[in-house]
Each structure stands twice: as C-alpha cells, then as structure tokens.
Amino acid sequence: MSPDQHTSHILLMLIIAGLVTYVALLNPLLGAALLVGVGVAVFLHQILR
C-alpha cells in the first residue's frame, strides 16, 4: 500500500469515527447501532484483507 493510500484510509477512518461519535451524542441508541455496524465492517475488512 502506498503512503497516499495509507493516509487516505486513516483519514477516512477518523472521519467515520467522528461522525459516529457525533451521532452517539445526539441519539445514544442510534450511535450504539452505528458503532456496532462500523466495528463489524472494520472486522470484516481486516479478515478479508
């Protein structure tokens, strides 16, 4: 993976984490559901890599 791709992946993960945190502050149940969904997606991404 090139450094540019690595940087863009990290930036994307930080943006998604920030959005999920913001939603969790506004609506805790929806935020928890999003957090679980993002966690599963990251887990599957790591396994299928």
Protein backbone atom coordinates (compact mmCIF):
# COMPACT_ATOMS: atom_id res chain seq x y z
CA MET A 1 0.00 0.00 0.00
CA SER A 2 1.39 3.36 -0.96
CA PRO A 3 1.75 6.12 1.64
CA ASP A 4 -1.02 8.12 -0.07
CA GLN A 5 -3.48 5.23 0.18
CA HIS A 6 -2.50 4.62 3.79
CA THR A 7 -3.06 8.28 4.65
CA SER A 8 -6.44 8.36 2.92
CA HIS A 9 -7.57 5.21 4.76
CA ILE A 10 -6.58 6.69 8.11
CA LEU A 11 -8.33 9.97 7.27
CA LEU A 12 -11.49 8.12 6.24
CA MET A 13 -11.49 6.09 9.47
CA LEU A 14 -11.09 9.26 11.55
CA ILE A 15 -13.95 10.99 9.72
CA ILE A 16 -16.25 7.99 10.20
CA ALA A 17 -15.29 7.72 13.88
CA GLY A 18 -16.03 11.41 14.35
CA LEU A 19 -19.42 11.15 12.67
CA VAL A 20 -20.39 8.09 14.73
CA THR A 21 -19.33 9.87 17.92
CA TYR A 22 -21.39 12.94 16.98
CA VAL A 23 -24.46 10.81 16.24
CA ALA A 24 -23.94 8.92 19.51
CA LEU A 25 -24.03 12.21 21.41
CA LEU A 26 -27.27 13.25 19.69
CA ASN A 27 -29.02 9.87 19.86
CA PRO A 28 -27.33 7.20 22.01
CA LEU A 29 -29.28 4.21 20.63
CA LEU A 30 -28.60 5.09 17.01
CA GLY A 31 -24.98 5.87 17.87
CA ALA A 32 -24.56 2.46 19.51
CA ALA A 33 -26.07 0.73 16.48
CA LEU A 34 -23.76 2.66 14.14
CA LEU A 35 -20.78 1.85 16.34
CA VAL A 36 -21.56 -1.87 16.15
CA GLY A 37 -22.02 -1.65 12.39
CA VAL A 38 -18.74 0.18 11.89
CA GLY A 39 -16.99 -2.31 14.17
CA VAL A 40 -18.29 -5.26 12.15
CA ALA A 41 -17.30 -3.59 8.88
CA VAL A 42 -13.76 -2.95 10.15
CA PHE A 43 -13.51 -6.52 11.44
CA LEU A 44 -14.61 -7.96 8.10
CA HIS A 45 -12.24 -5.63 6.25
CA GLN A 46 -9.33 -6.90 8.36
CA ILE A 47 -10.28 -10.54 7.81
CA LEU A 48 -10.82 -10.24 4.05
CA ARG A 49 -7.67 -8.24 3.51
